[in-house]
Amino acid sequence: MLTFKELRERLEPADIKKILRQYGIEPHYENKNYIIYETCCHNPIGHGSHKLYYYTNTHMFKCYT
């Protein structure tokens, strides 16, 4: 059985985009270091700012709101 950390590290940026697209959330901007999303973490979809970052090196999200 995978640990949460092992699962997180196995997910590629394409996997993250696919998962979020299933909820109607599209990337706003991306480069090799991060992907920026709307702040769907605490706003209704379509009503947030673009301050939710997914970092490709750490496989973690950080919200700057």
PDB file of N, CA and C in Angstrom:
ATOM      1  N   MET A   1       0.836  -1.181   0.000  1.00  0.00           N
ATOM      2  CA  MET A   1       0.000   0.000   0.000  1.00  0.00           C
ATOM      3  C   MET A   1       0.883   1.247   0.000  1.00  0.00           C
ATOM      4  N   LEU A   2       0.514   2.219  -0.818  1.00  0.00           N
ATOM      5  CA  LEU A   2       1.264   3.465  -0.913  1.00  0.00           C
ATOM      6  C   LEU A   2       0.972   4.380   0.273  1.00  0.00           C
ATOM      7  N   THR A   3       1.990   5.097   0.694  1.00  0.00           N
ATOM      8  CA  THR A   3       1.754   6.163   1.662  1.00  0.00           C
ATOM      9  C   THR A   3       1.285   7.390   0.894  1.00  0.00           C
ATOM     10  N   PHE A   4       0.754   8.366   1.602  1.00  0.00           N
ATOM     11  CA  PHE A   4       0.317   9.604   0.959  1.00  0.00           C
ATOM     12  C   PHE A   4       1.494  10.270   0.250  1.00  0.00           C
ATOM     13  N   LYS A   5       2.649  10.319   0.895  1.00  0.00           N
ATOM     14  CA  LYS A   5       3.829  10.949   0.310  1.00  0.00           C
ATOM     15  C   LYS A   5       4.246  10.229  -0.971  1.00  0.00           C
ATOM     16  N   GLU A   6       4.234   8.904  -0.975  1.00  0.00           N
ATOM     17  CA  GLU A   6       4.598   8.142  -2.169  1.00  0.00           C
ATOM     18  C   GLU A   6       3.627   8.415  -3.316  1.00  0.00           C
ATOM     19  N   LEU A   7       2.349   8.463  -3.005  1.00  0.00           N
ATOM     20  CA  LEU A   7       1.344   8.764  -4.015  1.00  0.00           C
ATOM     21  C   LEU A   7       1.561  10.156  -4.576  1.00  0.00           C
ATOM     22  N   ARG A   8       1.747  11.126  -3.696  1.00  0.00           N
ATOM     23  CA  ARG A   8       1.963  12.518  -4.106  1.00  0.00           C
ATOM     24  C   ARG A   8       3.165  12.617  -5.034  1.00  0.00           C
ATOM     25  N   GLU A   9       4.235  11.922  -4.721  1.00  0.00           N
ATOM     26  CA  GLU A   9       5.445  12.001  -5.528  1.00  0.00           C
ATOM     27  C   GLU A   9       5.315  11.277  -6.870  1.00  0.00           C
ATOM     28  N   ARG A  10       4.397  10.349  -6.981  1.00  0.00           N
ATOM     29  CA  ARG A  10       4.180   9.633  -8.245  1.00  0.00           C
ATOM     30  C   ARG A  10       3.304  10.411  -9.223  1.00  0.00           C
ATOM     31  N   LEU A  11       2.503  11.321  -8.700  1.00  0.00           N
ATOM     32  CA  LEU A  11       1.624  12.096  -9.574  1.00  0.00           C
ATOM     33  C   LEU A  11       2.439  13.100 -10.379  1.00  0.00           C
ATOM     34  N   GLU A  12       2.257  13.071 -11.679  1.00  0.00           N
ATOM     35  CA  GLU A  12       2.923  14.006 -12.582  1.00  0.00           C
ATOM     36  C   GLU A  12       2.019  15.226 -12.780  1.00  0.00           C
ATOM     37  N   PRO A  13       2.576  16.349 -13.246  1.00  0.00           N
ATOM     38  CA  PRO A  13       1.733  17.519 -13.519  1.00  0.00           C
ATOM     39  C   PRO A  13       0.541  17.195 -14.430  1.00  0.00           C
ATOM     40  N   ALA A  14       0.723  16.316 -15.391  1.00  0.00           N
ATOM     41  CA  ALA A  14      -0.402  15.931 -16.267  1.00  0.00           C
ATOM     42  C   ALA A  14      -1.508  15.248 -15.471  1.00  0.00           C
ATOM     43  N   ASP A  15      -1.132  14.473 -14.455  1.00  0.00           N
ATOM     44  CA  ASP A  15      -2.131  13.818 -13.597  1.00  0.00           C
ATOM     45  C   ASP A  15      -2.904  14.854 -12.794  1.00  0.00           C
ATOM     46  N   ILE A  16      -2.200  15.835 -12.258  1.00  0.00           N
ATOM     47  CA  ILE A  16      -2.846  16.897 -11.479  1.00  0.00           C
ATOM     48  C   ILE A  16      -3.832  17.655 -12.356  1.00  0.00           C
ATOM     49  N   LYS A  17      -3.409  18.012 -13.571  1.00  0.00           N
ATOM     50  CA  LYS A  17      -4.306  18.731 -14.483  1.00  0.00           C
ATOM     51  C   LYS A  17      -5.536  17.893 -14.821  1.00  0.00           C
ATOM     52  N   LYS A  18      -5.344  16.616 -15.034  1.00  0.00           N
ATOM     53  CA  LYS A  18      -6.469  15.733 -15.357  1.00  0.00           C
ATOM     54  C   LYS A  18      -7.458  15.654 -14.195  1.00  0.00           C
ATOM     55  N   ILE A  19      -6.955  15.523 -12.991  1.00  0.00           N
ATOM     56  CA  ILE A  19      -7.817  15.442 -11.804  1.00  0.00           C
ATOM     57  C   ILE A  19      -8.613  16.729 -11.635  1.00  0.00           C
ATOM     58  N   LEU A  20      -7.934  17.879 -11.716  1.00  0.00           N
ATOM     59  CA  LEU A  20      -8.634  19.149 -11.516  1.00  0.00           C
ATOM     60  C   LEU A  20      -9.614  19.442 -12.641  1.00  0.00           C
ATOM     61  N   ARG A  21      -9.299  19.018 -13.863  1.00  0.00           N
ATOM     62  CA  ARG A  21     -10.231  19.213 -14.987  1.00  0.00           C
ATOM     63  C   ARG A  21     -11.544  18.475 -14.757  1.00  0.00           C
ATOM     64  N   GLN A  22     -11.493  17.358 -14.053  1.00  0.00           N
ATOM     65  CA  GLN A  22     -12.717  16.622 -13.750  1.00  0.00           C
ATOM     66  C   GLN A  22     -13.669  17.463 -12.895  1.00  0.00           C
ATOM     67  N   TYR A  23     -13.135  18.477 -12.223  1.00  0.00           N
ATOM     68  CA  TYR A  23     -13.948  19.375 -11.394  1.00  0.00           C
ATOM     69  C   TYR A  23     -14.160  20.728 -12.066  1.00  0.00           C
ATOM     70  N   GLY A  24     -13.784  20.827 -13.335  1.00  0.00           N
ATOM     71  CA  GLY A  24     -13.984  22.066 -14.084  1.00  0.00           C
ATOM     72  C   GLY A  24     -12.945  23.123 -13.809  1.00  0.00           C
ATOM     73  N   ILE A  25     -11.775  22.730 -13.329  1.00  0.00           N
ATOM     74  CA  ILE A  25     -10.727  23.681 -12.975  1.00  0.00           C
ATOM     75  C   ILE A  25      -9.584  23.545 -13.980  1.00  0.00           C
ATOM     76  N   GLU A  26      -9.328  24.625 -14.707  1.00  0.00           N
ATOM     77  CA  GLU A  26      -8.297  24.635 -15.738  1.00  0.00           C
ATOM     78  C   GLU A  26      -7.086  25.445 -15.269  1.00  0.00           C
ATOM     79  N   PRO A  27      -5.890  25.091 -15.754  1.00  0.00           N
ATOM     80  CA  PRO A  27      -4.713  25.895 -15.419  1.00  0.00           C
ATOM     81  C   PRO A  27      -4.846  27.305 -15.978  1.00  0.00           C
ATOM     82  N   HIS A  28      -4.387  28.279 -15.225  1.00  0.00           N
ATOM     83  CA  HIS A  28      -4.375  29.667 -15.683  1.00  0.00           C
ATOM     84  C   HIS A  28      -3.052  29.969 -16.386  1.00  0.00           C
ATOM     85  N   TYR A  29      -1.962  29.446 -15.821  1.00  0.00           N
ATOM     86  CA  TYR A  29      -0.614  29.652 -16.357  1.00  0.00           C
ATOM     87  C   TYR A  29       0.246  28.493 -15.892  1.00  0.00           C
ATOM     88  N   GLU A  30       1.224  28.125 -16.713  1.00  0.00           N
ATOM     89  CA  GLU A  30       2.153  27.095 -16.261  1.00  0.00           C
ATOM     90  C   GLU A  30       3.511  27.268 -16.921  1.00  0.00           C
ATOM     91  N   ASN A  31       4.522  26.820 -16.207  1.00  0.00           N
ATOM     92  CA  ASN A  31       5.872  26.724 -16.736  1.00  0.00           C
ATOM     93  C   ASN A  31       6.490  25.458 -16.160  1.00  0.00           C
ATOM     94  N   LYS A  32       7.787  25.261 -16.296  1.00  0.00           N
ATOM     95  CA  LYS A  32       8.388  24.005 -15.831  1.00  0.00           C
ATOM     96  C   LYS A  32       8.439  23.886 -14.313  1.00  0.00           C
ATOM     97  N   ASN A  33       8.268  25.001 -13.589  1.00  0.00           N
ATOM     98  CA  ASN A  33       8.378  24.990 -12.134  1.00  0.00           C
ATOM     99  C   ASN A  33       7.047  24.928 -11.398  1.00  0.00           C
ATOM    100  N   TYR A  34       5.992  25.457 -12.002  1.00  0.00           N
ATOM    101  CA  TYR A  34       4.703  25.502 -11.317  1.00  0.00           C
ATOM    102  C   TYR A  34       3.554  25.663 -12.295  1.00  0.00           C
ATOM    103  N   ILE A  35       2.362  25.365 -11.778  1.00  0.00           N
ATOM    104  CA  ILE A  35       1.111  25.588 -12.505  1.00  0.00           C
ATOM    105  C   ILE A  35       0.250  26.463 -11.601  1.00  0.00           C
ATOM    106  N   ILE A  36      -0.336  27.504 -12.162  1.00  0.00           N
ATOM    107  CA  ILE A  36      -1.192  28.405 -11.386  1.00  0.00           C
ATOM    108  C   ILE A  36      -2.649  28.095 -11.710  1.00  0.00           C
ATOM    109  N   TYR A  37      -3.435  27.951 -10.648  1.00  0.00           N
ATOM    110  CA  TYR A  37      -4.873  27.704 -10.764  1.00  0.00           C
ATOM    111  C   TYR A  37      -5.644  28.797 -10.037  1.00  0.00           C
ATOM    112  N   GLU A  38      -6.914  28.851 -10.347  1.00  0.00           N
ATOM    113  CA  GLU A  38      -7.843  29.690  -9.589  1.00  0.00           C
ATOM    114  C   GLU A  38      -7.924  29.131  -8.164  1.00  0.00           C
ATOM    115  N   THR A  39      -8.145  29.991  -7.201  1.00  0.00           N
ATOM    116  CA  THR A  39      -8.194  29.557  -5.797  1.00  0.00           C
ATOM    117  C   THR A  39      -9.482  28.796  -5.504  1.00  0.00           C
ATOM    118  N   CYS A  40      -9.579  27.611  -6.084  1.00  0.00           N
ATOM    119  CA  CYS A  40     -10.735  26.738  -5.885  1.00  0.00           C
ATOM    120  C   CYS A  40     -10.704  26.096  -4.502  1.00  0.00           C
ATOM    121  N   CYS A  41      -9.622  26.275  -3.774  1.00  0.00           N
ATOM    122  CA  CYS A  41      -9.490  25.671  -2.449  1.00  0.00           C
ATOM    123  C   CYS A  41     -10.441  26.311  -1.436  1.00  0.00           C
ATOM    124  N   HIS A  42     -10.832  27.559  -1.662  1.00  0.00           N
ATOM    125  CA  HIS A  42     -11.747  28.205  -0.718  1.00  0.00           C
ATOM    126  C   HIS A  42     -12.688  29.217  -1.374  1.00  0.00           C
ATOM    127  N   ASN A  43     -12.801  29.165  -2.689  1.00  0.00           N
ATOM    128  CA  ASN A  43     -13.755  30.003  -3.412  1.00  0.00           C
ATOM    129  C   ASN A  43     -14.563  29.118  -4.359  1.00  0.00           C
ATOM    130  N   PRO A  44     -15.800  29.511  -4.650  1.00  0.00           N
ATOM    131  CA  PRO A  44     -16.558  28.762  -5.654  1.00  0.00           C
ATOM    132  C   PRO A  44     -15.834  28.840  -6.999  1.00  0.00           C
ATOM    133  N   ILE A  45     -15.883  27.784  -7.778  1.00  0.00           N
ATOM    134  CA  ILE A  45     -15.225  27.758  -9.073  1.00  0.00           C
ATOM    135  C   ILE A  45     -15.763  28.902  -9.926  1.00  0.00           C
ATOM    136  N   GLY A  46     -14.847  29.660 -10.506  1.00  0.00           N
ATOM    137  CA  GLY A  46     -15.217  30.812 -11.320  1.00  0.00           C
ATOM    138  C   GLY A  46     -15.245  32.115 -10.553  1.00  0.00           C
ATOM    139  N   HIS A  47     -14.958  32.075  -9.244  1.00  0.00           N
ATOM    140  CA  HIS A  47     -15.031  33.283  -8.428  1.00  0.00           C
ATOM    141  C   HIS A  47     -13.752  33.551  -7.637  1.00  0.00           C
ATOM    142  N   GLY A  48     -12.683  32.866  -7.952  1.00  0.00           N
ATOM    143  CA  GLY A  48     -11.444  33.038  -7.200  1.00  0.00           C
ATOM    144  C   GLY A  48     -10.389  33.786  -7.996  1.00  0.00           C
ATOM    145  N   SER A  49      -9.340  34.164  -7.304  1.00  0.00           N
ATOM    146  CA  SER A  49      -8.192  34.766  -7.972  1.00  0.00           C
ATOM    147  C   SER A  49      -7.240  33.642  -8.377  1.00  0.00           C
ATOM    148  N   HIS A  50      -6.248  33.974  -9.159  1.00  0.00           N
ATOM    149  CA  HIS A  50      -5.300  32.962  -9.631  1.00  0.00           C
ATOM    150  C   HIS A  50      -4.083  32.948  -8.723  1.00  0.00           C
ATOM    151  N   LYS A  51      -4.259  32.383  -7.538  1.00  0.00           N
ATOM    152  CA  LYS A  51      -3.198  32.362  -6.542  1.00  0.00           C
ATOM    153  C   LYS A  51      -2.959  30.983  -5.943  1.00  0.00           C
ATOM    154  N   LEU A  52      -3.447  29.950  -6.594  1.00  0.00           N
ATOM    155  CA  LEU A  52      -3.205  28.581  -6.136  1.00  0.00           C
ATOM    156  C   LEU A  52      -2.120  27.978  -7.024  1.00  0.00           C
ATOM    157  N   TYR A  53      -0.969  27.732  -6.434  1.00  0.00           N
ATOM    158  CA  TYR A  53       0.188  27.234  -7.179  1.00  0.00           C
ATOM    159  C   TYR A  53       0.406  25.756  -6.888  1.00  0.00           C
ATOM    160  N   TYR A  54       0.696  25.006  -7.934  1.00  0.00           N
ATOM    161  CA  TYR A  54       1.135  23.623  -7.797  1.00  0.00           C
ATOM    162  C   TYR A  54       2.595  23.593  -8.215  1.00  0.00           C
ATOM    163  N   TYR A  55       3.477  23.221  -7.272  1.00  0.00           N
ATOM    164  CA  TYR A  55       4.915  23.198  -7.541  1.00  0.00           C
ATOM    165  C   TYR A  55       5.340  21.812  -7.997  1.00  0.00           C
ATOM    166  N   THR A  56       5.959  21.765  -9.174  1.00  0.00           N
ATOM    167  CA  THR A  56       6.316  20.484  -9.770  1.00  0.00           C
ATOM    168  C   THR A  56       7.483  19.798  -9.059  1.00  0.00           C
ATOM    169  N   ASN A  57       8.340  20.554  -8.397  1.00  0.00           N
ATOM    170  CA  ASN A  57       9.486  19.923  -7.724  1.00  0.00           C
ATOM    171  C   ASN A  57       9.096  19.294  -6.387  1.00  0.00           C
ATOM    172  N   THR A  58       8.140  19.870  -5.677  1.00  0.00           N
ATOM    173  CA  THR A  58       7.717  19.347  -4.385  1.00  0.00           C
ATOM    174  C   THR A  58       6.430  18.551  -4.457  1.00  0.00           C
ATOM    175  N   HIS A  59       5.715  18.670  -5.593  1.00  0.00           N
ATOM    176  CA  HIS A  59       4.420  17.998  -5.771  1.00  0.00           C
ATOM    177  C   HIS A  59       3.399  18.486  -4.752  1.00  0.00           C
ATOM    178  N   MET A  60       3.474  19.770  -4.425  1.00  0.00           N
ATOM    179  CA  MET A  60       2.578  20.320  -3.404  1.00  0.00           C
ATOM    180  C   MET A  60       1.915  21.598  -3.917  1.00  0.00           C
ATOM    181  N   PHE A  61       0.720  21.867  -3.365  1.00  0.00           N
ATOM    182  CA  PHE A  61      -0.010  23.087  -3.639  1.00  0.00           C
ATOM    183  C   PHE A  61       0.294  24.115  -2.555  1.00  0.00           C
ATOM    184  N   LYS A  62       0.265  25.403  -2.945  1.00  0.00           N
ATOM    185  CA  LYS A  62       0.377  26.505  -1.989  1.00  0.00           C
ATOM    186  C   LYS A  62      -0.580  27.574  -2.452  1.00  0.00           C
ATOM    187  N   CYS A  63      -1.468  27.992  -1.562  1.00  0.00           N
ATOM    188  CA  CYS A  63      -2.421  29.067  -1.871  1.00  0.00           C
ATOM    189  C   CYS A  63      -1.873  30.365  -1.290  1.00  0.00           C
ATOM    190  N   TYR A  64      -1.793  31.394  -2.111  1.00  0.00           N
ATOM    191  CA  TYR A  64      -1.251  32.677  -1.685  1.00  0.00           C
ATOM    192  C   TYR A  64      -2.349  33.707  -1.417  1.00  0.00           C
ATOM    193  N   THR A  65      -3.562  33.268  -1.190  1.00  0.00           N
ATOM    194  CA  THR A  65      -4.637  34.195  -0.862  1.00  0.00           C
ATOM    195  C   THR A  65      -4.642  34.482   0.627  1.00  0.00           C
TER     196      THR A  65
END
